[in-house]
Amino acid sequence: MQIKRLSPAGCEELYHTALPRDFPAAECKPFAEIRRLLEAGVYEPLLLTDDAGARLAYAWQVVLPGQRTALLDYFAVRCDLRGSGVGTAALQLIRDYYALRVQDLLLECEHPAEAPDPAVARRRIGFYLRAGARATALESRVFGTRYAVLALPCGGTVPDAALCKELRTLYKVMVPHPYYRGQVIFYGS
């Protein structure tokens, strides 16, 4: 498996073709916001491929200079490959890719208590935990959706209180003012 950084055009194509299949509409931010983050140099859309260049998975992160954490904004494995071990291998490759730059990769998963399909939310959290992530004491509520926050150690471990502070900083870059206030809420530390 190989990692390739997507160009803005490649990111936009995948946004229109794969994201609507892989994520609920409520979780798909407008591409204009992704473009804004790409232009600011803080958004890293990665494509994971086989040796022939076929897409296996994708992972899009928000990475700020000087932060000990990054946020895994979108991660999806091609539908026909789910349950085959590709997702776990992809996360390991992503972890290695970021190991020299961040200590933790933050993951937000819909909280099972409020998810439209609690069983799917529990499976998703279980997948990340089996792949090496750890549960944190943090939760977020972003534009009305409740998330459990997990951390995938890359080059160390950041305590939950510091994770919360870094997650706030990431979101202040991701969600422009005045939308941040009242629409992005953190609990737990």
N, C-alpha and C. Protein backbone atom coordinates (compact mmCIF):
# COMPACT_ATOMS: atom_id res chain seq x y z
N MET A 1 0.85 -1.18 0.00
CA MET A 1 0.00 0.00 0.00
C MET A 1 0.89 1.24 0.00
N GLN A 2 0.46 2.24 -0.75
CA GLN A 2 1.23 3.48 -0.87
C GLN A 2 0.34 4.67 -0.53
N ILE A 3 0.99 5.75 -0.06
CA ILE A 3 0.29 7.00 0.22
C ILE A 3 0.66 8.02 -0.84
N LYS A 4 -0.35 8.69 -1.34
CA LYS A 4 -0.15 9.76 -2.32
C LYS A 4 -0.95 10.97 -1.85
N ARG A 5 -0.32 12.12 -1.85
CA ARG A 5 -1.05 13.34 -1.49
C ARG A 5 -1.84 13.81 -2.71
N LEU A 6 -3.12 14.06 -2.52
CA LEU A 6 -3.98 14.48 -3.62
C LEU A 6 -3.80 15.95 -3.95
N SER A 7 -3.89 16.28 -5.21
CA SER A 7 -3.93 17.68 -5.64
C SER A 7 -5.32 18.23 -5.27
N PRO A 8 -5.48 19.54 -5.26
CA PRO A 8 -6.82 20.09 -5.02
C PRO A 8 -7.86 19.55 -6.00
N ALA A 9 -7.50 19.38 -7.28
CA ALA A 9 -8.45 18.84 -8.26
C ALA A 9 -8.79 17.38 -7.95
N GLY A 10 -7.79 16.59 -7.56
CA GLY A 10 -8.03 15.20 -7.19
C GLY A 10 -8.88 15.10 -5.94
N CYS A 11 -8.65 16.00 -5.01
CA CYS A 11 -9.45 16.05 -3.79
C CYS A 11 -10.91 16.37 -4.12
N GLU A 12 -11.10 17.34 -5.00
CA GLU A 12 -12.47 17.73 -5.36
C GLU A 12 -13.19 16.59 -6.09
N GLU A 13 -12.48 15.89 -6.97
CA GLU A 13 -13.11 14.77 -7.68
C GLU A 13 -13.55 13.69 -6.69
N LEU A 14 -12.68 13.34 -5.75
CA LEU A 14 -13.02 12.32 -4.76
C LEU A 14 -14.15 12.81 -3.85
N TYR A 15 -14.15 14.10 -3.56
CA TYR A 15 -15.22 14.69 -2.74
C TYR A 15 -16.58 14.45 -3.41
N HIS A 16 -16.66 14.64 -4.71
CA HIS A 16 -17.94 14.50 -5.41
C HIS A 16 -18.30 13.05 -5.72
N THR A 17 -17.30 12.17 -5.86
CA THR A 17 -17.60 10.79 -6.25
C THR A 17 -17.68 9.83 -5.07
N ALA A 18 -16.80 9.96 -4.08
CA ALA A 18 -16.74 8.98 -3.00
C ALA A 18 -17.37 9.45 -1.69
N LEU A 19 -17.14 10.71 -1.32
CA LEU A 19 -17.64 11.18 -0.03
C LEU A 19 -19.15 10.99 0.14
N PRO A 20 -19.97 11.30 -0.85
CA PRO A 20 -21.42 11.12 -0.65
C PRO A 20 -21.82 9.66 -0.36
N ARG A 21 -21.03 8.72 -0.85
CA ARG A 21 -21.30 7.30 -0.58
C ARG A 21 -20.81 6.89 0.80
N ASP A 22 -19.70 7.49 1.24
CA ASP A 22 -19.02 7.05 2.44
C ASP A 22 -19.43 7.76 3.73
N PHE A 23 -20.09 8.91 3.61
CA PHE A 23 -20.43 9.70 4.80
C PHE A 23 -21.85 10.23 4.71
N PRO A 24 -22.52 10.36 5.87
CA PRO A 24 -23.84 10.99 5.87
C PRO A 24 -23.73 12.43 5.37
N ALA A 25 -24.76 12.90 4.70
CA ALA A 25 -24.75 14.26 4.15
C ALA A 25 -24.41 15.31 5.22
N ALA A 26 -24.88 15.09 6.44
CA ALA A 26 -24.63 16.06 7.52
C ALA A 26 -23.15 16.17 7.87
N GLU A 27 -22.37 15.16 7.54
CA GLU A 27 -20.94 15.18 7.86
C GLU A 27 -20.08 15.71 6.72
N CYS A 28 -20.66 15.96 5.57
CA CYS A 28 -19.89 16.44 4.41
C CYS A 28 -19.91 17.96 4.37
N LYS A 29 -18.80 18.55 4.77
CA LYS A 29 -18.72 20.02 4.74
C LYS A 29 -18.68 20.47 3.29
N PRO A 30 -19.11 21.68 3.01
CA PRO A 30 -19.04 22.18 1.62
C PRO A 30 -17.60 22.16 1.11
N PHE A 31 -17.43 21.84 -0.17
CA PHE A 31 -16.08 21.78 -0.71
C PHE A 31 -15.39 23.14 -0.65
N ALA A 32 -16.14 24.21 -0.66
CA ALA A 32 -15.53 25.54 -0.53
C ALA A 32 -14.73 25.66 0.76
N GLU A 33 -15.20 25.01 1.82
CA GLU A 33 -14.47 25.04 3.10
C GLU A 33 -13.20 24.21 3.00
N ILE A 34 -13.27 23.06 2.33
CA ILE A 34 -12.08 22.24 2.14
C ILE A 34 -11.07 23.00 1.28
N ARG A 35 -11.54 23.64 0.22
CA ARG A 35 -10.66 24.44 -0.63
C ARG A 35 -9.97 25.53 0.18
N ARG A 36 -10.71 26.19 1.06
CA ARG A 36 -10.14 27.25 1.91
C ARG A 36 -9.01 26.68 2.77
N LEU A 37 -9.21 25.50 3.34
CA LEU A 37 -8.18 24.87 4.18
C LEU A 37 -6.99 24.40 3.34
N LEU A 38 -7.27 23.90 2.13
CA LEU A 38 -6.18 23.51 1.22
C LEU A 38 -5.33 24.73 0.89
N GLU A 39 -5.98 25.83 0.55
CA GLU A 39 -5.26 27.06 0.18
C GLU A 39 -4.47 27.62 1.35
N ALA A 40 -4.96 27.39 2.58
CA ALA A 40 -4.24 27.85 3.77
C ALA A 40 -3.07 26.93 4.11
N GLY A 41 -2.99 25.78 3.42
CA GLY A 41 -1.89 24.85 3.65
C GLY A 41 -2.03 23.99 4.90
N VAL A 42 -3.26 23.85 5.42
CA VAL A 42 -3.45 23.08 6.65
C VAL A 42 -4.30 21.81 6.43
N TYR A 43 -4.64 21.53 5.19
CA TYR A 43 -5.46 20.36 4.88
C TYR A 43 -4.64 19.41 4.03
N GLU A 44 -4.58 18.15 4.45
CA GLU A 44 -3.77 17.17 3.73
C GLU A 44 -4.64 15.99 3.30
N PRO A 45 -5.13 16.00 2.07
CA PRO A 45 -5.91 14.87 1.57
C PRO A 45 -4.97 13.79 1.02
N LEU A 46 -5.04 12.62 1.64
CA LEU A 46 -4.18 11.51 1.24
C LEU A 46 -5.01 10.41 0.58
N LEU A 47 -4.44 9.80 -0.43
CA LEU A 47 -5.05 8.66 -1.12
C LEU A 47 -4.15 7.47 -0.86
N LEU A 48 -4.73 6.35 -0.45
CA LEU A 48 -3.98 5.12 -0.24
C LEU A 48 -4.32 4.18 -1.38
N THR A 49 -3.28 3.71 -2.07
CA THR A 49 -3.47 2.92 -3.28
C THR A 49 -2.71 1.60 -3.19
N ASP A 50 -3.08 0.68 -4.08
CA ASP A 50 -2.27 -0.53 -4.23
C ASP A 50 -1.11 -0.21 -5.16
N ASP A 51 -0.28 -1.19 -5.45
CA ASP A 51 0.91 -0.96 -6.27
C ASP A 51 0.57 -0.54 -7.70
N ALA A 52 -0.62 -0.88 -8.17
CA ALA A 52 -1.04 -0.49 -9.51
C ALA A 52 -1.69 0.89 -9.54
N GLY A 53 -1.84 1.51 -8.37
CA GLY A 53 -2.42 2.86 -8.32
C GLY A 53 -3.93 2.88 -8.08
N ALA A 54 -4.55 1.73 -7.85
CA ALA A 54 -5.99 1.70 -7.60
C ALA A 54 -6.28 2.17 -6.18
N ARG A 55 -7.35 2.97 -6.03
CA ARG A 55 -7.73 3.50 -4.72
C ARG A 55 -8.19 2.38 -3.80
N LEU A 56 -7.59 2.37 -2.59
CA LEU A 56 -8.00 1.44 -1.54
C LEU A 56 -8.74 2.18 -0.44
N ALA A 57 -8.24 3.37 -0.12
CA ALA A 57 -8.81 4.16 0.98
C ALA A 57 -8.37 5.60 0.79
N TYR A 58 -8.97 6.49 1.57
CA TYR A 58 -8.50 7.87 1.61
C TYR A 58 -8.61 8.39 3.03
N ALA A 59 -7.76 9.35 3.34
CA ALA A 59 -7.70 9.95 4.67
C ALA A 59 -7.34 11.42 4.50
N TRP A 60 -8.22 12.27 5.00
CA TRP A 60 -7.99 13.71 4.88
C TRP A 60 -7.83 14.29 6.27
N GLN A 61 -6.72 14.98 6.50
CA GLN A 61 -6.38 15.49 7.81
C GLN A 61 -6.27 17.01 7.82
N VAL A 62 -6.51 17.57 9.01
CA VAL A 62 -6.21 18.97 9.29
C VAL A 62 -4.95 18.95 10.16
N VAL A 63 -3.89 19.57 9.64
CA VAL A 63 -2.60 19.56 10.33
C VAL A 63 -2.11 21.00 10.44
N LEU A 64 -1.94 21.47 11.67
CA LEU A 64 -1.46 22.83 11.89
C LEU A 64 0.00 22.81 12.31
N PRO A 65 0.81 23.71 11.79
CA PRO A 65 2.22 23.77 12.20
C PRO A 65 2.32 24.00 13.71
N GLY A 66 3.23 23.28 14.34
CA GLY A 66 3.48 23.48 15.77
C GLY A 66 2.53 22.74 16.69
N GLN A 67 1.52 22.08 16.18
CA GLN A 67 0.59 21.34 17.04
C GLN A 67 1.10 19.91 17.24
N ARG A 68 0.80 19.36 18.39
CA ARG A 68 1.17 17.97 18.68
C ARG A 68 0.14 16.98 18.16
N THR A 69 -0.98 17.51 17.67
CA THR A 69 -2.04 16.64 17.17
C THR A 69 -2.49 17.11 15.79
N ALA A 70 -3.13 16.20 15.08
CA ALA A 70 -3.80 16.51 13.82
C ALA A 70 -5.18 15.86 13.92
N LEU A 71 -6.10 16.31 13.10
CA LEU A 71 -7.45 15.76 13.11
C LEU A 71 -7.72 14.97 11.84
N LEU A 72 -8.09 13.72 12.00
CA LEU A 72 -8.51 12.91 10.86
C LEU A 72 -9.93 13.36 10.53
N ASP A 73 -10.05 14.14 9.47
CA ASP A 73 -11.34 14.74 9.11
C ASP A 73 -12.23 13.73 8.40
N TYR A 74 -11.67 13.00 7.45
CA TYR A 74 -12.40 11.95 6.73
C TYR A 74 -11.48 10.76 6.55
N PHE A 75 -12.02 9.56 6.77
CA PHE A 75 -11.29 8.33 6.51
C PHE A 75 -12.30 7.31 6.01
N ALA A 76 -12.01 6.72 4.86
CA ALA A 76 -12.92 5.70 4.32
C ALA A 76 -12.12 4.70 3.51
N VAL A 77 -12.56 3.46 3.61
CA VAL A 77 -12.02 2.36 2.83
C VAL A 77 -13.03 2.06 1.72
N ARG A 78 -12.52 1.72 0.55
CA ARG A 78 -13.40 1.37 -0.56
C ARG A 78 -14.41 0.31 -0.09
N CYS A 79 -15.66 0.47 -0.45
CA CYS A 79 -16.76 -0.37 0.04
C CYS A 79 -16.48 -1.86 -0.07
N ASP A 80 -15.99 -2.30 -1.20
CA ASP A 80 -15.78 -3.74 -1.42
C ASP A 80 -14.59 -4.30 -0.64
N LEU A 81 -13.83 -3.44 0.02
CA LEU A 81 -12.66 -3.89 0.77
C LEU A 81 -12.87 -3.82 2.28
N ARG A 82 -14.01 -3.31 2.71
CA ARG A 82 -14.25 -3.18 4.15
C ARG A 82 -14.30 -4.56 4.79
N GLY A 83 -13.69 -4.66 5.96
CA GLY A 83 -13.64 -5.93 6.67
C GLY A 83 -12.51 -6.84 6.23
N SER A 84 -11.67 -6.38 5.30
CA SER A 84 -10.60 -7.22 4.76
C SER A 84 -9.24 -6.95 5.39
N GLY A 85 -9.16 -5.99 6.31
CA GLY A 85 -7.88 -5.62 6.91
C GLY A 85 -7.23 -4.42 6.25
N VAL A 86 -7.80 -3.95 5.14
CA VAL A 86 -7.24 -2.78 4.44
C VAL A 86 -7.30 -1.54 5.33
N GLY A 87 -8.40 -1.36 6.05
CA GLY A 87 -8.54 -0.18 6.91
C GLY A 87 -7.49 -0.14 8.00
N THR A 88 -7.25 -1.26 8.65
CA THR A 88 -6.24 -1.33 9.71
C THR A 88 -4.86 -1.06 9.14
N ALA A 89 -4.55 -1.66 7.99
CA ALA A 89 -3.25 -1.42 7.34
C ALA A 89 -3.12 0.04 6.93
N ALA A 90 -4.19 0.63 6.42
CA ALA A 90 -4.16 2.03 6.02
C ALA A 90 -3.90 2.94 7.22
N LEU A 91 -4.57 2.68 8.33
CA LEU A 91 -4.35 3.50 9.53
C LEU A 91 -2.91 3.38 10.02
N GLN A 92 -2.34 2.20 9.95
CA GLN A 92 -0.94 2.02 10.36
C GLN A 92 -0.01 2.83 9.45
N LEU A 93 -0.28 2.84 8.17
CA LEU A 93 0.53 3.61 7.23
C LEU A 93 0.37 5.11 7.49
N ILE A 94 -0.83 5.54 7.77
CA ILE A 94 -1.08 6.95 8.10
C ILE A 94 -0.37 7.32 9.39
N ARG A 95 -0.44 6.45 10.38
CA ARG A 95 0.25 6.68 11.66
C ARG A 95 1.75 6.86 11.40
N ASP A 96 2.33 5.98 10.60
CA ASP A 96 3.76 6.09 10.28
C ASP A 96 4.06 7.38 9.51
N TYR A 97 3.17 7.76 8.62
CA TYR A 97 3.34 8.96 7.80
C TYR A 97 3.45 10.22 8.68
N TYR A 98 2.66 10.24 9.76
CA TYR A 98 2.63 11.42 10.63
C TYR A 98 3.53 11.30 11.86
N ALA A 99 4.19 10.18 12.06
CA ALA A 99 4.94 9.93 13.30
C ALA A 99 5.99 10.99 13.61
N LEU A 100 6.61 11.58 12.61
CA LEU A 100 7.64 12.59 12.88
C LEU A 100 7.06 13.99 13.06
N ARG A 101 5.75 14.14 12.79
CA ARG A 101 5.14 15.48 12.84
C ARG A 101 4.18 15.68 14.00
N VAL A 102 3.45 14.63 14.38
CA VAL A 102 2.47 14.77 15.47
C VAL A 102 2.58 13.58 16.42
N GLN A 103 2.08 13.79 17.63
CA GLN A 103 2.06 12.71 18.60
C GLN A 103 0.77 11.90 18.52
N ASP A 104 -0.34 12.58 18.26
CA ASP A 104 -1.63 11.91 18.19
C ASP A 104 -2.42 12.39 16.99
N LEU A 105 -3.14 11.47 16.38
CA LEU A 105 -4.09 11.79 15.33
C LEU A 105 -5.47 11.65 15.97
N LEU A 106 -6.20 12.74 16.04
CA LEU A 106 -7.52 12.73 16.68
C LEU A 106 -8.58 12.22 15.72
N LEU A 107 -9.49 11.43 16.27
CA LEU A 107 -10.58 10.84 15.49
C LEU A 107 -11.89 11.19 16.18
N GLU A 108 -12.86 11.61 15.42
CA GLU A 108 -14.20 11.85 15.97
C GLU A 108 -15.15 10.84 15.33
N CYS A 109 -15.86 10.13 16.18
CA CYS A 109 -16.84 9.14 15.71
C CYS A 109 -18.20 9.52 16.29
N GLU A 110 -19.23 9.39 15.49
CA GLU A 110 -20.57 9.66 16.00
C GLU A 110 -20.78 8.88 17.29
N HIS A 111 -21.30 9.57 18.29
CA HIS A 111 -21.54 8.93 19.58
C HIS A 111 -22.73 7.98 19.45
N PRO A 112 -22.56 6.71 19.87
CA PRO A 112 -23.64 5.74 19.71
C PRO A 112 -24.96 6.15 20.37
N ALA A 113 -24.89 6.94 21.43
CA ALA A 113 -26.11 7.33 22.13
C ALA A 113 -27.02 8.22 21.29
N GLU A 114 -26.45 8.89 20.29
CA GLU A 114 -27.27 9.80 19.47
C GLU A 114 -27.15 9.53 17.97
N ALA A 115 -26.42 8.51 17.59
CA ALA A 115 -26.23 8.21 16.16
C ALA A 115 -27.52 7.67 15.56
N PRO A 116 -27.78 7.96 14.28
CA PRO A 116 -28.96 7.40 13.62
C PRO A 116 -28.97 5.87 13.65
N ASP A 117 -27.77 5.26 13.56
CA ASP A 117 -27.64 3.81 13.66
C ASP A 117 -26.57 3.51 14.72
N PRO A 118 -27.00 3.32 15.98
CA PRO A 118 -26.04 3.11 17.07
C PRO A 118 -25.11 1.92 16.84
N ALA A 119 -25.60 0.86 16.20
CA ALA A 119 -24.75 -0.32 15.96
C ALA A 119 -23.59 0.03 15.04
N VAL A 120 -23.86 0.82 14.00
CA VAL A 120 -22.79 1.25 13.08
C VAL A 120 -21.79 2.12 13.83
N ALA A 121 -22.27 3.02 14.67
CA ALA A 121 -21.37 3.90 15.44
C ALA A 121 -20.49 3.07 16.37
N ARG A 122 -21.06 2.06 17.04
CA ARG A 122 -20.26 1.20 17.93
C ARG A 122 -19.22 0.41 17.13
N ARG A 123 -19.61 -0.09 15.96
CA ARG A 123 -18.65 -0.84 15.12
C ARG A 123 -17.49 0.06 14.68
N ARG A 124 -17.81 1.30 14.31
CA ARG A 124 -16.78 2.23 13.86
C ARG A 124 -15.80 2.51 15.00
N ILE A 125 -16.31 2.78 16.19
CA ILE A 125 -15.44 3.03 17.34
C ILE A 125 -14.61 1.79 17.64
N GLY A 126 -15.24 0.62 17.60
CA GLY A 126 -14.52 -0.63 17.84
C GLY A 126 -13.40 -0.85 16.85
N PHE A 127 -13.65 -0.52 15.59
CA PHE A 127 -12.61 -0.63 14.56
C PHE A 127 -11.40 0.21 14.93
N TYR A 128 -11.63 1.48 15.29
CA TYR A 128 -10.51 2.36 15.62
C TYR A 128 -9.77 1.88 16.87
N LEU A 129 -10.51 1.38 17.86
CA LEU A 129 -9.86 0.88 19.07
C LEU A 129 -9.00 -0.36 18.75
N ARG A 130 -9.52 -1.27 17.94
CA ARG A 130 -8.73 -2.45 17.55
C ARG A 130 -7.50 -2.06 16.72
N ALA A 131 -7.60 -0.94 16.00
CA ALA A 131 -6.48 -0.48 15.16
C ALA A 131 -5.44 0.30 15.97
N GLY A 132 -5.65 0.43 17.28
CA GLY A 132 -4.64 1.07 18.13
C GLY A 132 -5.01 2.41 18.71
N ALA A 133 -6.19 2.94 18.38
CA ALA A 133 -6.61 4.21 18.98
C ALA A 133 -6.98 3.98 20.44
N ARG A 134 -7.00 5.05 21.18
CA ARG A 134 -7.45 4.97 22.57
C ARG A 134 -8.64 5.89 22.75
N ALA A 135 -9.57 5.45 23.60
CA ALA A 135 -10.70 6.30 23.94
C ALA A 135 -10.18 7.43 24.83
N THR A 136 -10.72 8.61 24.65
CA THR A 136 -10.38 9.74 25.53
C THR A 136 -11.62 10.09 26.34
N ALA A 137 -11.46 10.99 27.28
CA ALA A 137 -12.58 11.47 28.08
C ALA A 137 -13.33 12.58 27.36
N LEU A 138 -12.92 12.90 26.14
CA LEU A 138 -13.47 14.04 25.41
C LEU A 138 -14.64 13.64 24.53
N GLU A 139 -15.55 14.58 24.39
CA GLU A 139 -16.63 14.50 23.41
C GLU A 139 -16.75 15.87 22.78
N SER A 140 -17.31 15.89 21.59
CA SER A 140 -17.58 17.17 20.94
C SER A 140 -19.01 17.14 20.40
N ARG A 141 -19.53 18.31 20.20
CA ARG A 141 -20.81 18.47 19.51
C ARG A 141 -20.56 19.53 18.45
N VAL A 142 -20.61 19.11 17.19
CA VAL A 142 -20.29 20.00 16.08
C VAL A 142 -21.52 20.12 15.19
N PHE A 143 -22.04 21.33 15.09
CA PHE A 143 -23.25 21.59 14.32
C PHE A 143 -24.35 20.58 14.66
N GLY A 144 -24.49 20.30 15.96
CA GLY A 144 -25.57 19.46 16.45
C GLY A 144 -25.28 17.98 16.53
N THR A 145 -24.19 17.51 15.95
CA THR A 145 -23.87 16.09 15.98
C THR A 145 -22.88 15.82 17.12
N ARG A 146 -23.21 14.83 17.94
CA ARG A 146 -22.35 14.45 19.08
C ARG A 146 -21.33 13.41 18.63
N TYR A 147 -20.07 13.65 19.04
CA TYR A 147 -18.97 12.76 18.68
C TYR A 147 -18.20 12.31 19.91
N ALA A 148 -17.75 11.06 19.89
CA ALA A 148 -16.75 10.56 20.83
C ALA A 148 -15.40 10.88 20.21
N VAL A 149 -14.44 11.29 21.02
CA VAL A 149 -13.11 11.64 20.52
C VAL A 149 -12.13 10.54 20.92
N LEU A 150 -11.44 10.01 19.93
CA LEU A 150 -10.41 9.00 20.15
C LEU A 150 -9.08 9.59 19.70
N ALA A 151 -8.00 8.97 20.14
CA ALA A 151 -6.66 9.43 19.75
C ALA A 151 -5.85 8.23 19.29
N LEU A 152 -5.29 8.35 18.10
CA LEU A 152 -4.42 7.32 17.54
C LEU A 152 -2.98 7.79 17.74
N PRO A 153 -2.23 7.15 18.65
CA PRO A 153 -0.86 7.59 18.90
C PRO A 153 0.01 7.41 17.65
N CYS A 154 0.74 8.46 17.32
CA CYS A 154 1.66 8.42 16.16
C CYS A 154 3.10 8.48 16.64
N GLY A 155 3.40 9.44 17.48
CA GLY A 155 4.78 9.61 17.95
C GLY A 155 4.81 9.92 19.42
N GLY A 156 3.82 9.47 20.16
CA GLY A 156 3.72 9.75 21.59
C GLY A 156 2.26 9.79 21.97
N THR A 157 1.99 10.29 23.17
CA THR A 157 0.61 10.42 23.63
C THR A 157 0.45 11.76 24.31
N VAL A 158 -0.59 12.47 23.96
CA VAL A 158 -0.88 13.77 24.54
C VAL A 158 -1.99 13.58 25.57
N PRO A 159 -1.84 14.12 26.79
CA PRO A 159 -2.89 13.99 27.80
C PRO A 159 -4.21 14.61 27.32
N ASP A 160 -5.34 14.10 27.84
CA ASP A 160 -6.65 14.55 27.38
C ASP A 160 -6.86 16.06 27.49
N ALA A 161 -6.40 16.67 28.59
CA ALA A 161 -6.60 18.12 28.75
C ALA A 161 -5.89 18.88 27.62
N ALA A 162 -4.70 18.44 27.24
CA ALA A 162 -3.97 19.08 26.14
C ALA A 162 -4.63 18.76 24.80
N LEU A 163 -5.17 17.54 24.67
CA LEU A 163 -5.90 17.19 23.44
C LEU A 163 -7.07 18.12 23.23
N CYS A 164 -7.79 18.41 24.30
CA CYS A 164 -8.95 19.29 24.20
C CYS A 164 -8.53 20.67 23.72
N LYS A 165 -7.45 21.19 24.27
CA LYS A 165 -6.95 22.51 23.87
C LYS A 165 -6.54 22.51 22.38
N GLU A 166 -5.87 21.45 21.96
CA GLU A 166 -5.43 21.37 20.56
C GLU A 166 -6.61 21.18 19.62
N LEU A 167 -7.61 20.40 20.05
CA LEU A 167 -8.80 20.21 19.23
C LEU A 167 -9.55 21.53 19.05
N ARG A 168 -9.61 22.32 20.11
CA ARG A 168 -10.23 23.66 20.00
C ARG A 168 -9.49 24.51 18.96
N THR A 169 -8.16 24.48 19.02
CA THR A 169 -7.36 25.26 18.07
C THR A 169 -7.60 24.78 16.64
N LEU A 170 -7.63 23.47 16.44
CA LEU A 170 -7.91 22.92 15.11
C LEU A 170 -9.27 23.40 14.59
N TYR A 171 -10.27 23.34 15.44
CA TYR A 171 -11.61 23.75 15.01
C TYR A 171 -11.72 25.24 14.76
N LYS A 172 -10.97 26.03 15.48
CA LYS A 172 -11.02 27.48 15.23
C LYS A 172 -10.46 27.81 13.85
N VAL A 173 -9.57 26.97 13.35
CA VAL A 173 -9.07 27.14 11.98
C VAL A 173 -10.07 26.56 10.98
N MET A 174 -10.68 25.44 11.33
CA MET A 174 -11.60 24.75 10.42
C MET A 174 -12.94 25.47 10.26
N VAL A 175 -13.45 26.00 11.35
CA VAL A 175 -14.78 26.61 11.34
C VAL A 175 -14.63 28.11 11.56
N PRO A 176 -14.87 28.89 10.53
CA PRO A 176 -14.65 30.33 10.66
C PRO A 176 -15.63 30.98 11.64
N HIS A 177 -15.15 32.06 12.23
CA HIS A 177 -16.00 32.87 13.09
C HIS A 177 -17.06 33.53 12.20
N PRO A 178 -18.27 33.65 12.52
CA PRO A 178 -18.94 33.44 13.80
C PRO A 178 -19.55 32.05 13.96
N TYR A 179 -19.35 31.14 13.00
CA TYR A 179 -19.97 29.83 13.07
C TYR A 179 -19.44 28.97 14.21
N TYR A 180 -18.16 29.18 14.56
CA TYR A 180 -17.55 28.38 15.62
C TYR A 180 -18.33 28.53 16.92
N ARG A 181 -18.63 29.76 17.28
CA ARG A 181 -19.29 30.04 18.57
C ARG A 181 -20.69 29.44 18.58
N GLY A 182 -20.94 28.56 19.52
CA GLY A 182 -22.24 27.96 19.65
C GLY A 182 -22.46 26.71 18.81
N GLN A 183 -21.61 26.49 17.81
CA GLN A 183 -21.76 25.32 16.93
C GLN A 183 -20.70 24.26 17.16
N VAL A 184 -19.64 24.62 17.90
CA VAL A 184 -18.55 23.69 18.19
C VAL A 184 -18.34 23.71 19.71
N ILE A 185 -18.68 22.60 20.35
CA ILE A 185 -18.67 22.51 21.80
C ILE A 185 -17.87 21.27 22.19
N PHE A 186 -17.05 21.40 23.24
CA PHE A 186 -16.25 20.27 23.71
C PHE A 186 -16.60 19.99 25.18
N TYR A 187 -16.59 18.70 25.54
CA TYR A 187 -16.87 18.23 26.89
C TYR A 187 -15.77 17.31 27.34
N GLY A 188 -15.53 17.26 28.64
CA GLY A 188 -14.68 16.22 29.19
C GLY A 188 -13.35 16.65 29.76
N SER A 189 -12.78 17.75 29.31
CA SER A 189 -11.52 18.21 29.91
C SER A 189 -11.38 19.70 29.75
